[in-house]
Amino acid sequence: MNDTNREDRRLACNLQALSPAQRQRYTELHGELRDGILDVDETPSGYGLRFAFHVTRVVALAEYMALEHLCCPFLELTLAIEEDGRVLLHLAGGEGIKAFLQAALDL
């Protein structure tokens, strides 16, 4: 996504985009995400969160990304498995995204 399109998106979550079951699962995954962070890297457009590799963690992060996208489509989410075996979840966006992520993830 180019920077112009990124800046046009508003930081407004739509929690109604999730069903009650999805909201419950999102809450569970969000807690697991916060508890599993090994380190955090600030990037020009957001944050990179690193996790220990485990197949179930990668699957959980992918599920989290899908649910996050439904309620917060302004976030750009990418997932990678690095050469050292750690998992990187990068969360990015336009202006104000860092403050949003700091509050949402207790960074």
PDB file of N, CA and C in Angstrom:
ATOM      1  N   MET A   1       0.860  -1.167   0.000  1.00  0.00           N
ATOM      2  CA  MET A   1       0.000   0.000   0.000  1.00  0.00           C
ATOM      3  C   MET A   1       0.902   1.223   0.000  1.00  0.00           C
ATOM      4  N   ASN A   2       0.601   2.208  -0.837  1.00  0.00           N
ATOM      5  CA  ASN A   2       1.453   3.388  -0.849  1.00  0.00           C
ATOM      6  C   ASN A   2       1.062   4.334   0.277  1.00  0.00           C
ATOM      7  N   ASP A   3       1.960   5.289   0.576  1.00  0.00           N
ATOM      8  CA  ASP A   3       1.755   6.181   1.712  1.00  0.00           C
ATOM      9  C   ASP A   3       0.528   7.067   1.562  1.00  0.00           C
ATOM     10  N   THR A   4       0.187   7.470   0.339  1.00  0.00           N
ATOM     11  CA  THR A   4      -0.989   8.312   0.134  1.00  0.00           C
ATOM     12  C   THR A   4      -2.249   7.574   0.550  1.00  0.00           C
ATOM     13  N   ASN A   5      -2.413   6.335   0.106  1.00  0.00           N
ATOM     14  CA  ASN A   5      -3.590   5.553   0.486  1.00  0.00           C
ATOM     15  C   ASN A   5      -3.606   5.294   1.981  1.00  0.00           C
ATOM     16  N   ARG A   6      -2.451   5.056   2.580  1.00  0.00           N
ATOM     17  CA  ARG A   6      -2.361   4.773   4.010  1.00  0.00           C
ATOM     18  C   ARG A   6      -2.846   5.979   4.817  1.00  0.00           C
ATOM     19  N   GLU A   7      -2.472   7.185   4.392  1.00  0.00           N
ATOM     20  CA  GLU A   7      -2.846   8.385   5.133  1.00  0.00           C
ATOM     21  C   GLU A   7      -4.330   8.697   5.008  1.00  0.00           C
ATOM     22  N   ASP A   8      -4.985   8.219   3.943  1.00  0.00           N
ATOM     23  CA  ASP A   8      -6.402   8.491   3.739  1.00  0.00           C
ATOM     24  C   ASP A   8      -7.296   7.680   4.672  1.00  0.00           C
ATOM     25  N   ARG A   9      -6.778   6.638   5.265  1.00  0.00           N
ATOM     26  CA  ARG A   9      -7.591   5.781   6.121  1.00  0.00           C
ATOM     27  C   ARG A   9      -7.687   6.362   7.520  1.00  0.00           C
ATOM     28  N   ARG A  10      -8.861   6.290   8.097  1.00  0.00           N
ATOM     29  CA  ARG A  10      -9.083   6.813   9.441  1.00  0.00           C
ATOM     30  C   ARG A  10      -8.843   5.741  10.479  1.00  0.00           C
ATOM     31  N   LEU A  11      -8.376   6.175  11.649  1.00  0.00           N
ATOM     32  CA  LEU A  11      -8.159   5.252  12.760  1.00  0.00           C
ATOM     33  C   LEU A  11      -9.478   5.088  13.500  1.00  0.00           C
ATOM     34  N   ALA A  12     -10.341   4.270  12.967  1.00  0.00           N
ATOM     35  CA  ALA A  12     -11.650   4.040  13.572  1.00  0.00           C
ATOM     36  C   ALA A  12     -11.979   2.561  13.495  1.00  0.00           C
ATOM     37  N   CYS A  13     -11.987   1.905  14.645  1.00  0.00           N
ATOM     38  CA  CYS A  13     -12.318   0.479  14.691  1.00  0.00           C
ATOM     39  C   CYS A  13     -13.828   0.301  14.588  1.00  0.00           C
ATOM     40  N   ASN A  14     -14.235  -0.779  13.964  1.00  0.00           N
ATOM     41  CA  ASN A  14     -15.643  -1.120  13.846  1.00  0.00           C
ATOM     42  C   ASN A  14     -15.855  -2.468  14.527  1.00  0.00           C
ATOM     43  N   LEU A  15     -16.097  -2.444  15.833  1.00  0.00           N
ATOM     44  CA  LEU A  15     -16.278  -3.687  16.579  1.00  0.00           C
ATOM     45  C   LEU A  15     -17.538  -4.431  16.164  1.00  0.00           C
ATOM     46  N   GLN A  16     -18.452  -3.750  15.505  1.00  0.00           N
ATOM     47  CA  GLN A  16     -19.669  -4.398  15.023  1.00  0.00           C
ATOM     48  C   GLN A  16     -19.377  -5.315  13.834  1.00  0.00           C
ATOM     49  N   ALA A  17     -18.184  -5.193  13.265  1.00  0.00           N
ATOM     50  CA  ALA A  17     -17.807  -6.049  12.141  1.00  0.00           C
ATOM     51  C   ALA A  17     -17.561  -7.485  12.583  1.00  0.00           C
ATOM     52  N   LEU A  18     -17.397  -7.696  13.893  1.00  0.00           N
ATOM     53  CA  LEU A  18     -17.165  -9.036  14.436  1.00  0.00           C
ATOM     54  C   LEU A  18     -18.434  -9.580  15.074  1.00  0.00           C
ATOM     55  N   SER A  19     -18.711 -10.850  14.833  1.00  0.00           N
ATOM     56  CA  SER A  19     -19.831 -11.504  15.516  1.00  0.00           C
ATOM     57  C   SER A  19     -19.450 -11.687  16.980  1.00  0.00           C
ATOM     58  N   PRO A  20     -20.409 -11.992  17.854  1.00  0.00           N
ATOM     59  CA  PRO A  20     -20.056 -12.229  19.258  1.00  0.00           C
ATOM     60  C   PRO A  20     -18.992 -13.321  19.433  1.00  0.00           C
ATOM     61  N   ALA A  21     -19.086 -14.385  18.657  1.00  0.00           N
ATOM     62  CA  ALA A  21     -18.091 -15.463  18.750  1.00  0.00           C
ATOM     63  C   ALA A  21     -16.724 -14.980  18.273  1.00  0.00           C
ATOM     64  N   GLN A  22     -16.706 -14.202  17.191  1.00  0.00           N
ATOM     65  CA  GLN A  22     -15.445 -13.661  16.701  1.00  0.00           C
ATOM     66  C   GLN A  22     -14.842 -12.682  17.705  1.00  0.00           C
ATOM     67  N   ARG A  23     -15.678 -11.880  18.332  1.00  0.00           N
ATOM     68  CA  ARG A  23     -15.193 -10.913  19.327  1.00  0.00           C
ATOM     69  C   ARG A  23     -14.562 -11.639  20.508  1.00  0.00           C
ATOM     70  N   GLN A  24     -15.189 -12.723  20.948  1.00  0.00           N
ATOM     71  CA  GLN A  24     -14.644 -13.508  22.049  1.00  0.00           C
ATOM     72  C   GLN A  24     -13.297 -14.120  21.656  1.00  0.00           C
ATOM     73  N   ARG A  25     -13.215 -14.671  20.455  1.00  0.00           N
ATOM     74  CA  ARG A  25     -11.974 -15.269  19.988  1.00  0.00           C
ATOM     75  C   ARG A  25     -10.883 -14.206  19.828  1.00  0.00           C
ATOM     76  N   TYR A  26     -11.267 -13.041  19.309  1.00  0.00           N
ATOM     77  CA  TYR A  26     -10.325 -11.929  19.164  1.00  0.00           C
ATOM     78  C   TYR A  26      -9.739 -11.546  20.520  1.00  0.00           C
ATOM     79  N   THR A  27     -10.571 -11.464  21.529  1.00  0.00           N
ATOM     80  CA  THR A  27     -10.115 -11.115  22.881  1.00  0.00           C
ATOM     81  C   THR A  27      -9.121 -12.149  23.394  1.00  0.00           C
ATOM     82  N   GLU A  28      -9.408 -13.426  23.181  1.00  0.00           N
ATOM     83  CA  GLU A  28      -8.489 -14.493  23.595  1.00  0.00           C
ATOM     84  C   GLU A  28      -7.148 -14.365  22.869  1.00  0.00           C
ATOM     85  N   LEU A  29      -7.208 -14.197  21.562  1.00  0.00           N
ATOM     86  CA  LEU A  29      -5.990 -14.092  20.763  1.00  0.00           C
ATOM     87  C   LEU A  29      -5.186 -12.842  21.121  1.00  0.00           C
ATOM     88  N   HIS A  30      -5.871 -11.753  21.374  1.00  0.00           N
ATOM     89  CA  HIS A  30      -5.219 -10.493  21.747  1.00  0.00           C
ATOM     90  C   HIS A  30      -4.403 -10.678  23.029  1.00  0.00           C
ATOM     91  N   GLY A  31      -4.970 -11.374  24.013  1.00  0.00           N
ATOM     92  CA  GLY A  31      -4.253 -11.655  25.251  1.00  0.00           C
ATOM     93  C   GLY A  31      -3.039 -12.535  25.020  1.00  0.00           C
ATOM     94  N   GLU A  32      -3.210 -13.569  24.193  1.00  0.00           N
ATOM     95  CA  GLU A  32      -2.086 -14.453  23.859  1.00  0.00           C
ATOM     96  C   GLU A  32      -0.989 -13.676  23.136  1.00  0.00           C
ATOM     97  N   LEU A  33      -1.392 -12.801  22.249  1.00  0.00           N
ATOM     98  CA  LEU A  33      -0.447 -11.982  21.505  1.00  0.00           C
ATOM     99  C   LEU A  33       0.394 -11.142  22.458  1.00  0.00           C
ATOM    100  N   ARG A  34      -0.258 -10.397  23.314  1.00  0.00           N
ATOM    101  CA  ARG A  34       0.473  -9.537  24.256  1.00  0.00           C
ATOM    102  C   ARG A  34       1.401 -10.342  25.146  1.00  0.00           C
ATOM    103  N   ASP A  35       0.938 -11.488  25.622  1.00  0.00           N
ATOM    104  CA  ASP A  35       1.745 -12.307  26.539  1.00  0.00           C
ATOM    105  C   ASP A  35       2.941 -12.964  25.851  1.00  0.00           C
ATOM    106  N   GLY A  36       2.868 -13.169  24.544  1.00  0.00           N
ATOM    107  CA  GLY A  36       3.916 -13.901  23.842  1.00  0.00           C
ATOM    108  C   GLY A  36       4.983 -13.053  23.180  1.00  0.00           C
ATOM    109  N   ILE A  37       4.885 -11.740  23.277  1.00  0.00           N
ATOM    110  CA  ILE A  37       5.849 -10.859  22.611  1.00  0.00           C
ATOM    111  C   ILE A  37       7.230 -11.013  23.248  1.00  0.00           C
ATOM    112  N   LEU A  38       8.234 -11.327  22.408  1.00  0.00           N
ATOM    113  CA  LEU A  38       9.617 -11.408  22.883  1.00  0.00           C
ATOM    114  C   LEU A  38      10.291 -10.045  22.840  1.00  0.00           C
ATOM    115  N   ASP A  39      10.087  -9.322  21.752  1.00  0.00           N
ATOM    116  CA  ASP A  39      10.619  -7.965  21.665  1.00  0.00           C
ATOM    117  C   ASP A  39       9.824  -7.160  20.652  1.00  0.00           C
ATOM    118  N   VAL A  40       9.990  -5.853  20.741  1.00  0.00           N
ATOM    119  CA  VAL A  40       9.248  -4.911  19.912  1.00  0.00           C
ATOM    120  C   VAL A  40      10.246  -3.990  19.216  1.00  0.00           C
ATOM    121  N   ASP A  41      10.087  -3.837  17.922  1.00  0.00           N
ATOM    122  CA  ASP A  41      10.907  -2.909  17.151  1.00  0.00           C
ATOM    123  C   ASP A  41      10.007  -1.830  16.576  1.00  0.00           C
ATOM    124  N   GLU A  42      10.363  -0.574  16.817  1.00  0.00           N
ATOM    125  CA  GLU A  42       9.644   0.524  16.197  1.00  0.00           C
ATOM    126  C   GLU A  42      10.148   0.674  14.767  1.00  0.00           C
ATOM    127  N   THR A  43       9.231   0.813  13.832  1.00  0.00           N
ATOM    128  CA  THR A  43       9.570   1.019  12.431  1.00  0.00           C
ATOM    129  C   THR A  43       9.031   2.385  12.012  1.00  0.00           C
ATOM    130  N   PRO A  44       9.401   2.881  10.847  1.00  0.00           N
ATOM    131  CA  PRO A  44       8.896   4.187  10.423  1.00  0.00           C
ATOM    132  C   PRO A  44       7.364   4.256  10.368  1.00  0.00           C
ATOM    133  N   SER A  45       6.711   3.125  10.068  1.00  0.00           N
ATOM    134  CA  SER A  45       5.252   3.146   9.891  1.00  0.00           C
ATOM    135  C   SER A  45       4.477   2.379  10.953  1.00  0.00           C
ATOM    136  N   GLY A  46       5.151   1.873  11.997  1.00  0.00           N
ATOM    137  CA  GLY A  46       4.433   1.116  13.024  1.00  0.00           C
ATOM    138  C   GLY A  46       5.374   0.380  13.951  1.00  0.00           C
ATOM    139  N   TYR A  47       5.048  -0.890  14.198  1.00  0.00           N
ATOM    140  CA  TYR A  47       5.843  -1.714  15.102  1.00  0.00           C
ATOM    141  C   TYR A  47       5.973  -3.127  14.561  1.00  0.00           C
ATOM    142  N   GLY A  48       7.112  -3.731  14.827  1.00  0.00           N
ATOM    143  CA  GLY A  48       7.335  -5.140  14.556  1.00  0.00           C
ATOM    144  C   GLY A  48       7.367  -5.877  15.878  1.00  0.00           C
ATOM    145  N   LEU A  49       6.546  -6.897  16.010  1.00  0.00           N
ATOM    146  CA  LEU A  49       6.477  -7.697  17.227  1.00  0.00           C
ATOM    147  C   LEU A  49       7.060  -9.074  16.933  1.00  0.00           C
ATOM    148  N   ARG A  50       7.993  -9.504  17.758  1.00  0.00           N
ATOM    149  CA  ARG A  50       8.627 -10.803  17.540  1.00  0.00           C
ATOM    150  C   ARG A  50       8.164 -11.809  18.585  1.00  0.00           C
ATOM    151  N   PHE A  51       8.009 -13.047  18.088  1.00  0.00           N
ATOM    152  CA  PHE A  51       7.517 -14.160  18.894  1.00  0.00           C
ATOM    153  C   PHE A  51       8.399 -15.376  18.655  1.00  0.00           C
ATOM    154  N   ALA A  52       8.415 -16.281  19.632  1.00  0.00           N
ATOM    155  CA  ALA A  52       9.083 -17.568  19.434  1.00  0.00           C
ATOM    156  C   ALA A  52       8.286 -18.364  18.400  1.00  0.00           C
ATOM    157  N   PHE A  53       8.995 -19.147  17.593  1.00  0.00           N
ATOM    158  CA  PHE A  53       8.319 -19.952  16.582  1.00  0.00           C
ATOM    159  C   PHE A  53       7.656 -21.171  17.214  1.00  0.00           C
ATOM    160  N   HIS A  54       6.436 -21.357  16.848  1.00  0.00           N
ATOM    161  CA  HIS A  54       5.698 -22.588  17.113  1.00  0.00           C
ATOM    162  C   HIS A  54       4.560 -22.597  16.099  1.00  0.00           C
ATOM    163  N   VAL A  55       4.283 -23.741  15.528  1.00  0.00           N
ATOM    164  CA  VAL A  55       3.253 -23.827  14.488  1.00  0.00           C
ATOM    165  C   VAL A  55       1.925 -23.262  14.985  1.00  0.00           C
ATOM    166  N   THR A  56       1.517 -23.603  16.199  1.00  0.00           N
ATOM    167  CA  THR A  56       0.231 -23.105  16.701  1.00  0.00           C
ATOM    168  C   THR A  56       0.252 -21.586  16.891  1.00  0.00           C
ATOM    169  N   ARG A  57       1.422 -21.021  17.193  1.00  0.00           N
ATOM    170  CA  ARG A  57       1.522 -19.561  17.326  1.00  0.00           C
ATOM    171  C   ARG A  57       1.339 -18.895  15.971  1.00  0.00           C
ATOM    172  N   VAL A  58       1.951 -19.449  14.940  1.00  0.00           N
ATOM    173  CA  VAL A  58       1.814 -18.878  13.597  1.00  0.00           C
ATOM    174  C   VAL A  58       0.350 -18.912  13.163  1.00  0.00           C
ATOM    175  N   VAL A  59      -0.320 -20.023  13.407  1.00  0.00           N
ATOM    176  CA  VAL A  59      -1.743 -20.147  13.062  1.00  0.00           C
ATOM    177  C   VAL A  59      -2.573 -19.140  13.859  1.00  0.00           C
ATOM    178  N   ALA A  60      -2.292 -18.994  15.144  1.00  0.00           N
ATOM    179  CA  ALA A  60      -3.030 -18.043  15.985  1.00  0.00           C
ATOM    180  C   ALA A  60      -2.805 -16.608  15.526  1.00  0.00           C
ATOM    181  N   LEU A  61      -1.572 -16.279  15.152  1.00  0.00           N
ATOM    182  CA  LEU A  61      -1.290 -14.929  14.658  1.00  0.00           C
ATOM    183  C   LEU A  61      -2.013 -14.659  13.345  1.00  0.00           C
ATOM    184  N   ALA A  62      -2.080 -15.639  12.469  1.00  0.00           N
ATOM    185  CA  ALA A  62      -2.816 -15.473  11.211  1.00  0.00           C
ATOM    186  C   ALA A  62      -4.303 -15.259  11.480  1.00  0.00           C
ATOM    187  N   GLU A  63      -4.852 -16.013  12.422  1.00  0.00           N
ATOM    188  CA  GLU A  63      -6.265 -15.833  12.789  1.00  0.00           C
ATOM    189  C   GLU A  63      -6.483 -14.447  13.385  1.00  0.00           C
ATOM    190  N   TYR A  64      -5.571 -14.016  14.258  1.00  0.00           N
ATOM    191  CA  TYR A  64      -5.656 -12.683  14.851  1.00  0.00           C
ATOM    192  C   TYR A  64      -5.647 -11.611  13.760  1.00  0.00           C
ATOM    193  N   MET A  65      -4.759 -11.769  12.789  1.00  0.00           N
ATOM    194  CA  MET A  65      -4.668 -10.795  11.703  1.00  0.00           C
ATOM    195  C   MET A  65      -5.981 -10.694  10.932  1.00  0.00           C
ATOM    196  N   ALA A  66      -6.602 -11.823  10.651  1.00  0.00           N
ATOM    197  CA  ALA A  66      -7.863 -11.825   9.907  1.00  0.00           C
ATOM    198  C   ALA A  66      -8.964 -11.107  10.686  1.00  0.00           C
ATOM    199  N   LEU A  67      -9.061 -11.380  11.977  1.00  0.00           N
ATOM    200  CA  LEU A  67     -10.081 -10.727  12.800  1.00  0.00           C
ATOM    201  C   LEU A  67      -9.768  -9.240  12.975  1.00  0.00           C
ATOM    202  N   GLU A  68      -8.498  -8.919  13.160  1.00  0.00           N
ATOM    203  CA  GLU A  68      -8.088  -7.517  13.302  1.00  0.00           C
ATOM    204  C   GLU A  68      -8.443  -6.736  12.043  1.00  0.00           C
ATOM    205  N   HIS A  69      -8.239  -7.342  10.905  1.00  0.00           N
ATOM    206  CA  HIS A  69      -8.551  -6.666   9.644  1.00  0.00           C
ATOM    207  C   HIS A  69     -10.049  -6.362   9.521  1.00  0.00           C
ATOM    208  N   LEU A  70     -10.890  -7.250  10.016  1.00  0.00           N
ATOM    209  CA  LEU A  70     -12.334  -7.012   9.933  1.00  0.00           C
ATOM    210  C   LEU A  70     -12.746  -5.764  10.710  1.00  0.00           C
ATOM    211  N   CYS A  71     -12.197  -5.588  11.901  1.00  0.00           N
ATOM    212  CA  CYS A  71     -12.625  -4.445  12.715  1.00  0.00           C
ATOM    213  C   CYS A  71     -11.745  -3.212  12.534  1.00  0.00           C
ATOM    214  N   CYS A  72     -10.514  -3.395  12.095  1.00  0.00           N
ATOM    215  CA  CYS A  72      -9.579  -2.272  11.940  1.00  0.00           C
ATOM    216  C   CYS A  72      -8.900  -2.340  10.570  1.00  0.00           C
ATOM    217  N   PRO A  73      -9.655  -2.093   9.499  1.00  0.00           N
ATOM    218  CA  PRO A  73      -9.091  -2.237   8.151  1.00  0.00           C
ATOM    219  C   PRO A  73      -8.009  -1.218   7.818  1.00  0.00           C
ATOM    220  N   PHE A  74      -7.817  -0.216   8.647  1.00  0.00           N
ATOM    221  CA  PHE A  74      -6.780   0.783   8.418  1.00  0.00           C
ATOM    222  C   PHE A  74      -5.387   0.260   8.749  1.00  0.00           C
ATOM    223  N   LEU A  75      -5.301  -0.890   9.434  1.00  0.00           N
ATOM    224  CA  LEU A  75      -4.013  -1.479   9.770  1.00  0.00           C
ATOM    225  C   LEU A  75      -3.471  -2.293   8.602  1.00  0.00           C
ATOM    226  N   GLU A  76      -2.184  -2.165   8.373  1.00  0.00           N
ATOM    227  CA  GLU A  76      -1.496  -3.032   7.421  1.00  0.00           C
ATOM    228  C   GLU A  76      -0.775  -4.085   8.256  1.00  0.00           C
ATOM    229  N   LEU A  77      -1.106  -5.340   8.049  1.00  0.00           N
ATOM    230  CA  LEU A  77      -0.577  -6.440   8.851  1.00  0.00           C
ATOM    231  C   LEU A  77       0.224  -7.390   7.970  1.00  0.00           C
ATOM    232  N   THR A  78       1.438  -7.707   8.398  1.00  0.00           N
ATOM    233  CA  THR A  78       2.237  -8.694   7.682  1.00  0.00           C
ATOM    234  C   THR A  78       2.843  -9.661   8.685  1.00  0.00           C
ATOM    235  N   LEU A  79       3.004 -10.894   8.261  1.00  0.00           N
ATOM    236  CA  LEU A  79       3.532 -11.953   9.113  1.00  0.00           C
ATOM    237  C   LEU A  79       4.679 -12.626   8.377  1.00  0.00           C
ATOM    238  N   ALA A  80       5.784 -12.835   9.085  1.00  0.00           N
ATOM    239  CA  ALA A  80       6.954 -13.471   8.473  1.00  0.00           C
ATOM    240  C   ALA A  80       7.629 -14.388   9.488  1.00  0.00           C
ATOM    241  N   ILE A  81       8.243 -15.429   8.967  1.00  0.00           N
ATOM    242  CA  ILE A  81       9.106 -16.281   9.786  1.00  0.00           C
ATOM    243  C   ILE A  81      10.519 -15.935   9.372  1.00  0.00           C
ATOM    244  N   GLU A  82      11.291 -15.442  10.328  1.00  0.00           N
ATOM    245  CA  GLU A  82      12.630 -14.962  10.041  1.00  0.00           C
ATOM    246  C   GLU A  82      13.636 -16.105   9.993  1.00  0.00           C
ATOM    247  N   GLU A  83      14.801 -15.809   9.440  1.00  0.00           N
ATOM    248  CA  GLU A  83      15.857 -16.810   9.286  1.00  0.00           C
ATOM    249  C   GLU A  83      16.226 -17.456  10.622  1.00  0.00           C
ATOM    250  N   ASP A  84      16.198 -16.673  11.705  1.00  0.00           N
ATOM    251  CA  ASP A  84      16.567 -17.215  13.024  1.00  0.00           C
ATOM    252  C   ASP A  84      15.439 -18.032  13.652  1.00  0.00           C
ATOM    253  N   GLY A  85      14.297 -18.142  12.937  1.00  0.00           N
ATOM    254  CA  GLY A  85      13.192 -18.953  13.418  1.00  0.00           C
ATOM    255  C   GLY A  85      12.135 -18.195  14.185  1.00  0.00           C
ATOM    256  N   ARG A  86      12.410 -16.943  14.519  1.00  0.00           N
ATOM    257  CA  ARG A  86      11.377 -16.174  15.215  1.00  0.00           C
ATOM    258  C   ARG A  86      10.318 -15.706  14.228  1.00  0.00           C
ATOM    259  N   VAL A  87       9.156 -15.396  14.760  1.00  0.00           N
ATOM    260  CA  VAL A  87       8.020 -14.956  13.958  1.00  0.00           C
ATOM    261  C   VAL A  87       7.876 -13.454  14.133  1.00  0.00           C
ATOM    262  N   LEU A  88       7.708 -12.744  13.036  1.00  0.00           N
ATOM    263  CA  LEU A  88       7.561 -11.296  13.063  1.00  0.00           C
ATOM    264  C   LEU A  88       6.166 -10.918  12.586  1.00  0.00           C
ATOM    265  N   LEU A  89       5.445 -10.204  13.425  1.00  0.00           N
ATOM    266  CA  LEU A  89       4.162  -9.597  13.045  1.00  0.00           C
ATOM    267  C   LEU A  89       4.408  -8.105  12.956  1.00  0.00           C
ATOM    268  N   HIS A  90       4.244  -7.542  11.764  1.00  0.00           N
ATOM    269  CA  HIS A  90       4.427  -6.106  11.585  1.00  0.00           C
ATOM    270  C   HIS A  90       3.057  -5.464  11.451  1.00  0.00           C
ATOM    271  N   LEU A  91       2.817  -4.456  12.284  1.00  0.00           N
ATOM    272  CA  LEU A  91       1.577  -3.691  12.257  1.00  0.00           C
ATOM    273  C   LEU A  91       1.944  -2.271  11.849  1.00  0.00           C
ATOM    274  N   ALA A  92       1.311  -1.764  10.803  1.00  0.00           N
ATOM    275  CA  ALA A  92       1.668  -0.461  10.268  1.00  0.00           C
ATOM    276  C   ALA A  92       0.421   0.303   9.850  1.00  0.00           C
ATOM    277  N   GLY A  93       0.632   1.570   9.564  1.00  0.00           N
ATOM    278  CA  GLY A  93      -0.471   2.399   9.114  1.00  0.00           C
ATOM    279  C   GLY A  93      -0.027   3.830   8.954  1.00  0.00           C
ATOM    280  N   GLY A  94      -0.985   4.703   8.813  1.00  0.00           N
ATOM    281  CA  GLY A  94      -0.719   6.119   8.592  1.00  0.00           C
ATOM    282  C   GLY A  94      -0.514   6.890   9.880  1.00  0.00           C
ATOM    283  N   GLU A  95      -0.722   8.156   9.777  1.00  0.00           N
ATOM    284  CA  GLU A  95      -0.517   9.063  10.897  1.00  0.00           C
ATOM    285  C   GLU A  95      -1.346   8.639  12.112  1.00  0.00           C
ATOM    286  N   GLY A  96      -0.720   8.626  13.269  1.00  0.00           N
ATOM    287  CA  GLY A  96      -1.399   8.277  14.503  1.00  0.00           C
ATOM    288  C   GLY A  96      -1.389   6.798  14.836  1.00  0.00           C
ATOM    289  N   ILE A  97      -0.874   5.970  13.938  1.00  0.00           N
ATOM    290  CA  ILE A  97      -0.947   4.523  14.161  1.00  0.00           C
ATOM    291  C   ILE A  97      -0.084   4.084  15.340  1.00  0.00           C
ATOM    292  N   LYS A  98       1.054   4.725  15.540  1.00  0.00           N
ATOM    293  CA  LYS A  98       1.928   4.300  16.636  1.00  0.00           C
ATOM    294  C   LYS A  98       1.265   4.522  17.987  1.00  0.00           C
ATOM    295  N   ALA A  99       0.643   5.657  18.183  1.00  0.00           N
ATOM    296  CA  ALA A  99      -0.059   5.917  19.448  1.00  0.00           C
ATOM    297  C   ALA A  99      -1.212   4.952  19.623  1.00  0.00           C
ATOM    298  N   PHE A 100      -1.922   4.659  18.533  1.00  0.00           N
ATOM    299  CA  PHE A 100      -3.016   3.693  18.584  1.00  0.00           C
ATOM    300  C   PHE A 100      -2.515   2.331  19.024  1.00  0.00           C
ATOM    301  N   LEU A 101      -1.412   1.859  18.404  1.00  0.00           N
ATOM    302  CA  LEU A 101      -0.865   0.533  18.731  1.00  0.00           C
ATOM    303  C   LEU A 101      -0.300   0.495  20.145  1.00  0.00           C
ATOM    304  N   GLN A 102       0.336   1.579  20.577  1.00  0.00           N
ATOM    305  CA  GLN A 102       0.854   1.622  21.947  1.00  0.00           C
ATOM    306  C   GLN A 102      -0.258   1.409  22.957  1.00  0.00           C
ATOM    307  N   ALA A 103      -1.375   2.061  22.739  1.00  0.00           N
ATOM    308  CA  ALA A 103      -2.515   1.938  23.653  1.00  0.00           C
ATOM    309  C   ALA A 103      -3.162   0.562  23.531  1.00  0.00           C
ATOM    310  N   ALA A 104      -3.344   0.077  22.323  1.00  0.00           N
ATOM    311  CA  ALA A 104      -4.044  -1.183  22.106  1.00  0.00           C
ATOM    312  C   ALA A 104      -3.254  -2.388  22.597  1.00  0.00           C
ATOM    313  N   LEU A 105      -1.923  -2.305  22.492  1.00  0.00           N
ATOM    314  CA  LEU A 105      -1.089  -3.456  22.836  1.00  0.00           C
ATOM    315  C   LEU A 105      -0.232  -3.241  24.086  1.00  0.00           C
ATOM    316  N   ASP A 106      -0.455  -2.143  24.772  1.00  0.00           N
ATOM    317  CA  ASP A 106       0.332  -1.828  25.977  1.00  0.00           C
ATOM    318  C   ASP A 106       1.824  -1.837  25.687  1.00  0.00           C
ATOM    319  N   LEU A 107       2.227  -1.223  24.590  1.00  0.00           N
ATOM    320  CA  LEU A 107       3.651  -1.178  24.213  1.00  0.00           C
ATOM    321  C   LEU A 107       4.369  -0.093  24.980  1.00  0.00           C
TER     322      LEU A 107
END
